[in-house]
């Protein structure tokens, strides 16, 4: 009986979860939004689970919807950056 794969991976230690920074998360989501990109491709490229990208995207969408429900202002990321530059002590 021959095996079709010559490679076997043995995991011998427990791995800690990686905490991604907001910047990393945003960059991954921006990459997913590019024309022709898929969640699966971006996830494989960065070594993360596709479901994690989907979860992050859903949370971002829900955050915007929650702001609209309570009649808060919803700002684009560019506007937030502009506000941060204007008030560095905030």
PDB file of N, CA and C in Angstrom:
ATOM      1  N   UNK A   1       0.845  -1.177   0.000  1.00  0.00           N
ATOM      2  CA  UNK A   1       0.000   0.000   0.000  1.00  0.00           C
ATOM      3  C   UNK A   1       0.892   1.244   0.000  1.00  0.00           C
ATOM      4  N   UNK A   2       0.750   2.095  -1.002  1.00  0.00           N
ATOM      5  CA  UNK A   2       1.593   3.285  -1.054  1.00  0.00           C
ATOM      6  C   UNK A   2       0.779   4.512  -0.671  1.00  0.00           C
ATOM      7  N   UNK A   3       1.464   5.443  -0.066  1.00  0.00           N
ATOM      8  CA  UNK A   3       0.825   6.693   0.329  1.00  0.00           C
ATOM      9  C   UNK A   3       1.046   7.729  -0.760  1.00  0.00           C
ATOM     10  N   UNK A   4       0.039   8.563  -0.972  1.00  0.00           N
ATOM     11  CA  UNK A   4       0.157   9.588  -2.004  1.00  0.00           C
ATOM     12  C   UNK A   4       0.952  10.799  -1.520  1.00  0.00           C
ATOM     13  N   UNK A   5       1.212  10.866  -0.240  1.00  0.00           N
ATOM     14  CA  UNK A   5       1.940  12.011   0.310  1.00  0.00           C
ATOM     15  C   UNK A   5       3.223  11.536   0.973  1.00  0.00           C
ATOM     16  N   UNK A   6       4.307  12.230   0.695  1.00  0.00           N
ATOM     17  CA  UNK A   6       5.588  11.889   1.299  1.00  0.00           C
ATOM     18  C   UNK A   6       5.866  12.706   2.537  1.00  0.00           C
ATOM     19  N   UNK A   7       4.965  13.585   2.877  1.00  0.00           N
ATOM     20  CA  UNK A   7       5.202  14.513   3.980  1.00  0.00           C
ATOM     21  C   UNK A   7       4.237  14.227   5.124  1.00  0.00           C
ATOM     22  N   UNK A   8       4.791  14.127   6.315  1.00  0.00           N
ATOM     23  CA  UNK A   8       3.981  13.931   7.519  1.00  0.00           C
ATOM     24  C   UNK A   8       4.360  15.025   8.501  1.00  0.00           C
ATOM     25  N   UNK A   9       3.358  15.667   9.073  1.00  0.00           N
ATOM     26  CA  UNK A   9       3.610  16.724  10.042  1.00  0.00           C
ATOM     27  C   UNK A   9       3.279  16.210  11.433  1.00  0.00           C
ATOM     28  N   UNK A  10       4.233  16.353  12.330  1.00  0.00           N
ATOM     29  CA  UNK A  10       4.035  15.927  13.717  1.00  0.00           C
ATOM     30  C   UNK A  10       4.079  17.167  14.594  1.00  0.00           C
ATOM     31  N   UNK A  11       3.010  17.393  15.329  1.00  0.00           N
ATOM     32  CA  UNK A  11       2.947  18.531  16.237  1.00  0.00           C
ATOM     33  C   UNK A  11       3.250  17.998  17.625  1.00  0.00           C
ATOM     34  N   UNK A  12       4.378  18.441  18.170  1.00  0.00           N
ATOM     35  CA  UNK A  12       4.809  17.888  19.449  1.00  0.00           C
ATOM     36  C   UNK A  12       4.667  18.851  20.614  1.00  0.00           C
ATOM     37  N   UNK A  13       4.294  20.071  20.337  1.00  0.00           N
ATOM     38  CA  UNK A  13       4.136  21.023  21.429  1.00  0.00           C
ATOM     39  C   UNK A  13       2.858  21.814  21.231  1.00  0.00           C
ATOM     40  N   UNK A  14       2.356  22.316  22.325  1.00  0.00           N
ATOM     41  CA  UNK A  14       1.157  23.140  22.196  1.00  0.00           C
ATOM     42  C   UNK A  14       1.568  24.528  21.724  1.00  0.00           C
ATOM     43  N   UNK A  15       0.780  25.089  20.845  1.00  0.00           N
ATOM     44  CA  UNK A  15       1.089  26.414  20.325  1.00  0.00           C
ATOM     45  C   UNK A  15       0.135  27.425  20.933  1.00  0.00           C
ATOM     46  N   UNK A  16       0.673  28.601  21.260  1.00  0.00           N
ATOM     47  CA  UNK A  16      -0.161  29.682  21.790  1.00  0.00           C
ATOM     48  C   UNK A  16      -0.887  30.351  20.660  1.00  0.00           C
ATOM     49  N   UNK A  17      -2.031  30.876  20.975  1.00  0.00           N
ATOM     50  CA  UNK A  17      -2.755  31.664  19.992  1.00  0.00           C
ATOM     51  C   UNK A  17      -1.997  32.938  19.705  1.00  0.00           C
ATOM     52  N   UNK A  18      -1.997  33.300  18.449  1.00  0.00           N
ATOM     53  CA  UNK A  18      -1.351  34.550  18.050  1.00  0.00           C
ATOM     54  C   UNK A  18      -2.379  35.667  18.128  1.00  0.00           C
ATOM     55  N   UNK A  19      -2.017  36.735  18.761  1.00  0.00           N
ATOM     56  CA  UNK A  19      -2.886  37.909  18.827  1.00  0.00           C
ATOM     57  C   UNK A  19      -2.455  38.860  17.723  1.00  0.00           C
ATOM     58  N   UNK A  20      -3.361  39.141  16.810  1.00  0.00           N
ATOM     59  CA  UNK A  20      -3.058  40.044  15.713  1.00  0.00           C
ATOM     60  C   UNK A  20      -3.381  41.471  16.120  1.00  0.00           C
ATOM     61  N   UNK A  21      -2.504  42.374  15.737  1.00  0.00           N
ATOM     62  CA  UNK A  21      -2.738  43.782  16.038  1.00  0.00           C
ATOM     63  C   UNK A  21      -3.898  44.291  15.184  1.00  0.00           C
ATOM     64  N   UNK A  22      -4.423  45.430  15.569  1.00  0.00           N
ATOM     65  CA  UNK A  22      -5.492  46.058  14.795  1.00  0.00           C
ATOM     66  C   UNK A  22      -5.003  46.347  13.383  1.00  0.00           C
ATOM     67  N   UNK A  23      -3.751  46.780  13.265  1.00  0.00           N
ATOM     68  CA  UNK A  23      -3.186  47.093  11.959  1.00  0.00           C
ATOM     69  C   UNK A  23      -3.112  45.856  11.078  1.00  0.00           C
ATOM     70  N   UNK A  24      -2.673  44.729  11.657  1.00  0.00           N
ATOM     71  CA  UNK A  24      -2.615  43.472  10.898  1.00  0.00           C
ATOM     72  C   UNK A  24      -4.008  43.053  10.455  1.00  0.00           C
ATOM     73  N   UNK A  25      -4.951  43.091  11.377  1.00  0.00           N
ATOM     74  CA  UNK A  25      -6.318  42.700  11.073  1.00  0.00           C
ATOM     75  C   UNK A  25      -6.870  43.552   9.943  1.00  0.00           C
ATOM     76  N   UNK A  26      -6.697  44.851  10.046  1.00  0.00           N
ATOM     77  CA  UNK A  26      -7.185  45.773   9.029  1.00  0.00           C
ATOM     78  C   UNK A  26      -6.529  45.481   7.679  1.00  0.00           C
ATOM     79  N   UNK A  27      -5.208  45.230   7.697  1.00  0.00           N
ATOM     80  CA  UNK A  27      -4.491  44.936   6.451  1.00  0.00           C
ATOM     81  C   UNK A  27      -5.008  43.655   5.796  1.00  0.00           C
ATOM     82  N   UNK A  28      -5.256  42.619   6.598  1.00  0.00           N
ATOM     83  CA  UNK A  28      -5.785  41.365   6.055  1.00  0.00           C
ATOM     84  C   UNK A  28      -7.164  41.585   5.433  1.00  0.00           C
ATOM     85  N   UNK A  29      -8.012  42.352   6.129  1.00  0.00           N
ATOM     86  CA  UNK A  29      -9.358  42.609   5.614  1.00  0.00           C
ATOM     87  C   UNK A  29      -9.321  43.459   4.350  1.00  0.00           C
ATOM     88  N   UNK A  30      -8.413  44.427   4.300  1.00  0.00           N
ATOM     89  CA  UNK A  30      -8.250  45.241   3.097  1.00  0.00           C
ATOM     90  C   UNK A  30      -7.828  44.367   1.919  1.00  0.00           C
ATOM     91  N   UNK A  31      -6.933  43.428   2.186  1.00  0.00           N
ATOM     92  CA  UNK A  31      -6.456  42.522   1.143  1.00  0.00           C
ATOM     93  C   UNK A  31      -7.594  41.651   0.623  1.00  0.00           C
ATOM     94  N   UNK A  32      -8.465  41.188   1.519  1.00  0.00           N
ATOM     95  CA  UNK A  32      -9.616  40.377   1.113  1.00  0.00           C
ATOM     96  C   UNK A  32     -10.561  41.163   0.209  1.00  0.00           C
ATOM     97  N   UNK A  33     -10.624  42.467   0.415  1.00  0.00           N
ATOM     98  CA  UNK A  33     -11.561  43.315  -0.332  1.00  0.00           C
ATOM     99  C   UNK A  33     -11.055  43.665  -1.737  1.00  0.00           C
ATOM    100  N   UNK A  34      -9.800  43.338  -2.035  1.00  0.00           N
ATOM    101  CA  UNK A  34      -9.248  43.662  -3.352  1.00  0.00           C
ATOM    102  C   UNK A  34      -9.922  42.803  -4.428  1.00  0.00           C
ATOM    103  N   UNK A  35     -10.120  43.363  -5.620  1.00  0.00           N
ATOM    104  CA  UNK A  35     -10.725  42.592  -6.716  1.00  0.00           C
ATOM    105  C   UNK A  35      -9.919  41.324  -7.018  1.00  0.00           C
ATOM    106  N   UNK A  36     -10.618  40.220  -7.135  1.00  0.00           N
ATOM    107  CA  UNK A  36      -9.983  38.943  -7.454  1.00  0.00           C
ATOM    108  C   UNK A  36      -9.438  38.181  -6.264  1.00  0.00           C
ATOM    109  N   UNK A  37      -9.429  38.790  -5.093  1.00  0.00           N
ATOM    110  CA  UNK A  37      -8.923  38.115  -3.893  1.00  0.00           C
ATOM    111  C   UNK A  37     -10.040  37.316  -3.238  1.00  0.00           C
ATOM    112  N   UNK A  38      -9.661  36.231  -2.609  1.00  0.00           N
ATOM    113  CA  UNK A  38     -10.629  35.440  -1.851  1.00  0.00           C
ATOM    114  C   UNK A  38     -10.154  35.342  -0.401  1.00  0.00           C
ATOM    115  N   UNK A  39     -11.101  35.102   0.473  1.00  0.00           N
ATOM    116  CA  UNK A  39     -10.781  34.935   1.893  1.00  0.00           C
ATOM    117  C   UNK A  39      -9.823  33.761   2.061  1.00  0.00           C
ATOM    118  N   UNK A  40     -10.078  32.675   1.355  1.00  0.00           N
ATOM    119  CA  UNK A  40      -9.225  31.481   1.479  1.00  0.00           C
ATOM    120  C   UNK A  40      -7.786  31.771   1.078  1.00  0.00           C
ATOM    121  N   UNK A  41      -7.608  32.490  -0.020  1.00  0.00           N
ATOM    122  CA  UNK A  41      -6.256  32.806  -0.482  1.00  0.00           C
ATOM    123  C   UNK A  41      -5.516  33.676   0.532  1.00  0.00           C
ATOM    124  N   UNK A  42      -6.176  34.715   1.011  1.00  0.00           N
ATOM    125  CA  UNK A  42      -5.541  35.620   1.981  1.00  0.00           C
ATOM    126  C   UNK A  42      -5.210  34.861   3.262  1.00  0.00           C
ATOM    127  N   UNK A  43      -6.109  34.011   3.708  1.00  0.00           N
ATOM    128  CA  UNK A  43      -5.870  33.238   4.934  1.00  0.00           C
ATOM    129  C   UNK A  43      -4.658  32.313   4.762  1.00  0.00           C
ATOM    130  N   UNK A  44      -4.598  31.588   3.658  1.00  0.00           N
ATOM    131  CA  UNK A  44      -3.457  30.698   3.407  1.00  0.00           C
ATOM    132  C   UNK A  44      -2.157  31.491   3.337  1.00  0.00           C
ATOM    133  N   UNK A  45      -2.210  32.630   2.689  1.00  0.00           N
ATOM    134  CA  UNK A  45      -1.027  33.462   2.500  1.00  0.00           C
ATOM    135  C   UNK A  45      -0.435  33.928   3.836  1.00  0.00           C
ATOM    136  N   UNK A  46      -1.307  34.177   4.814  1.00  0.00           N
ATOM    137  CA  UNK A  46      -0.853  34.693   6.112  1.00  0.00           C
ATOM    138  C   UNK A  46      -0.881  33.637   7.220  1.00  0.00           C
ATOM    139  N   UNK A  47      -1.238  32.407   6.866  1.00  0.00           N
ATOM    140  CA  UNK A  47      -1.225  31.322   7.845  1.00  0.00           C
ATOM    141  C   UNK A  47      -2.283  31.438   8.922  1.00  0.00           C
ATOM    142  N   UNK A  48      -3.462  31.948   8.546  1.00  0.00           N
ATOM    143  CA  UNK A  48      -4.559  32.052   9.509  1.00  0.00           C
ATOM    144  C   UNK A  48      -5.783  31.326   8.962  1.00  0.00           C
ATOM    145  N   UNK A  49      -6.726  31.113   9.802  1.00  0.00           N
ATOM    146  CA  UNK A  49      -7.945  30.408   9.420  1.00  0.00           C
ATOM    147  C   UNK A  49      -8.876  31.312   8.615  1.00  0.00           C
ATOM    148  N   UNK A  50      -9.443  30.801   7.522  1.00  0.00           N
ATOM    149  CA  UNK A  50     -10.404  31.605   6.767  1.00  0.00           C
ATOM    150  C   UNK A  50     -11.589  32.039   7.630  1.00  0.00           C
ATOM    151  N   UNK A  51     -12.001  31.180   8.557  1.00  0.00           N
ATOM    152  CA  UNK A  51     -13.140  31.533   9.408  1.00  0.00           C
ATOM    153  C   UNK A  51     -12.820  32.736  10.296  1.00  0.00           C
ATOM    154  N   UNK A  52     -11.546  32.911  10.647  1.00  0.00           N
ATOM    155  CA  UNK A  52     -11.154  34.067  11.448  1.00  0.00           C
ATOM    156  C   UNK A  52     -11.337  35.355  10.646  1.00  0.00           C
ATOM    157  N   UNK A  53     -10.949  35.335   9.368  1.00  0.00           N
ATOM    158  CA  UNK A  53     -11.153  36.510   8.512  1.00  0.00           C
ATOM    159  C   UNK A  53     -12.634  36.826   8.352  1.00  0.00           C
ATOM    160  N   UNK A  54     -13.440  35.802   8.155  1.00  0.00           N
ATOM    161  CA  UNK A  54     -14.885  36.002   8.010  1.00  0.00           C
ATOM    162  C   UNK A  54     -15.457  36.590   9.295  1.00  0.00           C
ATOM    163  N   UNK A  55     -14.985  36.088  10.429  1.00  0.00           N
ATOM    164  CA  UNK A  55     -15.452  36.586  11.726  1.00  0.00           C
ATOM    165  C   UNK A  55     -15.070  38.059  11.919  1.00  0.00           C
ATOM    166  N   UNK A  56     -13.836  38.408  11.581  1.00  0.00           N
ATOM    167  CA  UNK A  56     -13.412  39.803  11.691  1.00  0.00           C
ATOM    168  C   UNK A  56     -14.249  40.701  10.797  1.00  0.00           C
ATOM    169  N   UNK A  57     -14.508  40.266   9.577  1.00  0.00           N
ATOM    170  CA  UNK A  57     -15.301  41.076   8.641  1.00  0.00           C
ATOM    171  C   UNK A  57     -16.718  41.273   9.172  1.00  0.00           C
ATOM    172  N   UNK A  58     -17.291  40.195   9.701  1.00  0.00           N
ATOM    173  CA  UNK A  58     -18.649  40.286  10.260  1.00  0.00           C
ATOM    174  C   UNK A  58     -18.692  41.249  11.443  1.00  0.00           C
ATOM    175  N   UNK A  59     -17.689  41.171  12.309  1.00  0.00           N
ATOM    176  CA  UNK A  59     -17.655  42.067  13.477  1.00  0.00           C
ATOM    177  C   UNK A  59     -17.530  43.531  13.057  1.00  0.00           C
ATOM    178  N   UNK A  60     -16.728  43.796  12.029  1.00  0.00           N
ATOM    179  CA  UNK A  60     -16.599  45.170  11.550  1.00  0.00           C
ATOM    180  C   UNK A  60     -17.932  45.666  11.001  1.00  0.00           C
ATOM    181  N   UNK A  61     -18.606  44.812  10.238  1.00  0.00           N
ATOM    182  CA  UNK A  61     -19.911  45.194   9.691  1.00  0.00           C
ATOM    183  C   UNK A  61     -20.932  45.416  10.796  1.00  0.00           C
ATOM    184  N   UNK A  62     -20.925  44.557  11.798  1.00  0.00           N
ATOM    185  CA  UNK A  62     -21.876  44.705  12.904  1.00  0.00           C
ATOM    186  C   UNK A  62     -21.581  45.960  13.717  1.00  0.00           C
ATOM    187  N   UNK A  63     -20.310  46.311  13.853  1.00  0.00           N
ATOM    188  CA  UNK A  63     -19.939  47.520  14.586  1.00  0.00           C
ATOM    189  C   UNK A  63     -20.520  48.757  13.939  1.00  0.00           C
ATOM    190  N   UNK A  64     -20.448  48.836  12.623  1.00  0.00           N
ATOM    191  CA  UNK A  64     -21.032  49.958  11.896  1.00  0.00           C
ATOM    192  C   UNK A  64     -22.535  49.992  12.034  1.00  0.00           C
ATOM    193  N   UNK A  65     -23.163  48.822  11.973  1.00  0.00           N
ATOM    194  CA  UNK A  65     -24.620  48.743  12.118  1.00  0.00           C
ATOM    195  C   UNK A  65     -25.049  49.135  13.521  1.00  0.00           C
ATOM    196  N   UNK A  66     -24.258  48.745  14.522  1.00  0.00           N
ATOM    197  CA  UNK A  66     -24.588  49.098  15.908  1.00  0.00           C
ATOM    198  C   UNK A  66     -24.515  50.599  16.097  1.00  0.00           C
ATOM    199  N   UNK A  67     -23.541  51.248  15.474  1.00  0.00           N
ATOM    200  CA  UNK A  67     -23.421  52.701  15.585  1.00  0.00           C
ATOM    201  C   UNK A  67     -24.626  53.383  14.958  1.00  0.00           C
ATOM    202  N   UNK A  68     -25.094  52.866  13.837  1.00  0.00           N
ATOM    203  CA  UNK A  68     -26.256  53.447  13.168  1.00  0.00           C
ATOM    204  C   UNK A  68     -27.512  53.254  14.024  1.00  0.00           C
ATOM    205  N   UNK A  69     -27.655  52.090  14.648  1.00  0.00           N
ATOM    206  CA  UNK A  69     -28.831  51.813  15.480  1.00  0.00           C
ATOM    207  C   UNK A  69     -28.939  52.791  16.635  1.00  0.00           C
ATOM    208  N   UNK A  70     -27.819  53.170  17.249  1.00  0.00           N
ATOM    209  CA  UNK A  70     -27.870  54.086  18.388  1.00  0.00           C
ATOM    210  C   UNK A  70     -27.682  55.529  17.952  1.00  0.00           C
ATOM    211  N   UNK A  71     -27.700  55.756  16.637  1.00  0.00           N
ATOM    212  CA  UNK A  71     -27.614  57.089  16.056  1.00  0.00           C
ATOM    213  C   UNK A  71     -26.281  57.765  16.349  1.00  0.00           C
ATOM    214  N   UNK A  72     -25.213  56.967  16.435  1.00  0.00           N
ATOM    215  CA  UNK A  72     -23.861  57.509  16.573  1.00  0.00           C
ATOM    216  C   UNK A  72     -23.312  57.823  15.188  1.00  0.00           C
ATOM    217  N   UNK A  73     -22.301  58.664  15.149  1.00  0.00           N
ATOM    218  CA  UNK A  73     -21.627  58.936  13.896  1.00  0.00           C
ATOM    219  C   UNK A  73     -20.788  57.728  13.501  1.00  0.00           C
ATOM    220  N   UNK A  74     -20.809  57.391  12.239  1.00  0.00           N
ATOM    221  CA  UNK A  74     -19.970  56.333  11.698  1.00  0.00           C
ATOM    222  C   UNK A  74     -18.926  57.013  10.839  1.00  0.00           C
ATOM    223  N   UNK A  75     -17.646  56.825  11.210  1.00  0.00           N
ATOM    224  CA  UNK A  75     -16.561  57.496  10.510  1.00  0.00           C
ATOM    225  C   UNK A  75     -15.767  56.497   9.684  1.00  0.00           C
ATOM    226  N   UNK A  76     -15.293  56.963   8.544  1.00  0.00           N
ATOM    227  CA  UNK A  76     -14.401  56.126   7.746  1.00  0.00           C
ATOM    228  C   UNK A  76     -13.053  56.055   8.446  1.00  0.00           C
ATOM    229  N   UNK A  77     -12.260  55.039   8.099  1.00  0.00           N
ATOM    230  CA  UNK A  77     -10.943  54.907   8.722  1.00  0.00           C
ATOM    231  C   UNK A  77     -10.067  56.108   8.375  1.00  0.00           C
ATOM    232  N   UNK A  78     -10.221  56.671   7.183  1.00  0.00           N
ATOM    233  CA  UNK A  78      -9.455  57.860   6.804  1.00  0.00           C
ATOM    234  C   UNK A  78      -9.783  59.042   7.692  1.00  0.00           C
ATOM    235  N   UNK A  79     -11.056  59.212   8.007  1.00  0.00           N
ATOM    236  CA  UNK A  79     -11.482  60.312   8.877  1.00  0.00           C
ATOM    237  C   UNK A  79     -10.931  60.117  10.294  1.00  0.00           C
ATOM    238  N   UNK A  80     -10.928  58.875  10.764  1.00  0.00           N
ATOM    239  CA  UNK A  80     -10.385  58.582  12.093  1.00  0.00           C
ATOM    240  C   UNK A  80      -8.901  58.928  12.132  1.00  0.00           C
ATOM    241  N   UNK A  81      -8.166  58.562  11.078  1.00  0.00           N
ATOM    242  CA  UNK A  81      -6.744  58.898  11.021  1.00  0.00           C
ATOM    243  C   UNK A  81      -6.546  60.404  11.030  1.00  0.00           C
ATOM    244  N   UNK A  82      -7.390  61.129  10.291  1.00  0.00           N
ATOM    245  CA  UNK A  82      -7.292  62.591  10.271  1.00  0.00           C
ATOM    246  C   UNK A  82      -7.526  63.174  11.655  1.00  0.00           C
ATOM    247  N   UNK A  83      -8.495  62.621  12.376  1.00  0.00           N
ATOM    248  CA  UNK A  83      -8.790  63.095  13.727  1.00  0.00           C
ATOM    249  C   UNK A  83      -7.622  62.804  14.662  1.00  0.00           C
ATOM    250  N   UNK A  84      -7.003  61.622  14.512  1.00  0.00           N
ATOM    251  CA  UNK A  84      -5.852  61.266  15.340  1.00  0.00           C
ATOM    252  C   UNK A  84      -4.688  62.210  15.109  1.00  0.00           C
ATOM    253  N   UNK A  85      -4.472  62.593  13.866  1.00  0.00           N
ATOM    254  CA  UNK A  85      -3.370  63.509  13.534  1.00  0.00           C
ATOM    255  C   UNK A  85      -3.636  64.901  14.107  1.00  0.00           C
ATOM    256  N   UNK A  86      -4.899  65.311  14.091  1.00  0.00           N
ATOM    257  CA  UNK A  86      -5.247  66.635  14.576  1.00  0.00           C
ATOM    258  C   UNK A  86      -5.133  66.752  16.090  1.00  0.00           C
ATOM    259  N   UNK A  87      -5.370  65.636  16.789  1.00  0.00           N
ATOM    260  CA  UNK A  87      -5.348  65.655  18.261  1.00  0.00           C
ATOM    261  C   UNK A  87      -4.490  64.494  18.761  1.00  0.00           C
ATOM    262  N   UNK A  88      -3.172  64.612  18.733  1.00  0.00           N
ATOM    263  CA  UNK A  88      -2.296  63.496  19.137  1.00  0.00           C
ATOM    264  C   UNK A  88      -2.385  63.145  20.604  1.00  0.00           C
ATOM    265  N   UNK A  89      -2.936  64.018  21.434  1.00  0.00           N
ATOM    266  CA  UNK A  89      -3.052  63.717  22.869  1.00  0.00           C
ATOM    267  C   UNK A  89      -4.269  62.877  23.204  1.00  0.00           C
ATOM    268  N   UNK A  90      -5.141  62.644  22.235  1.00  0.00           N
ATOM    269  CA  UNK A  90      -6.375  61.903  22.498  1.00  0.00           C
ATOM    270  C   UNK A  90      -6.123  60.420  22.592  1.00  0.00           C
TER     271      UNK A  90
END
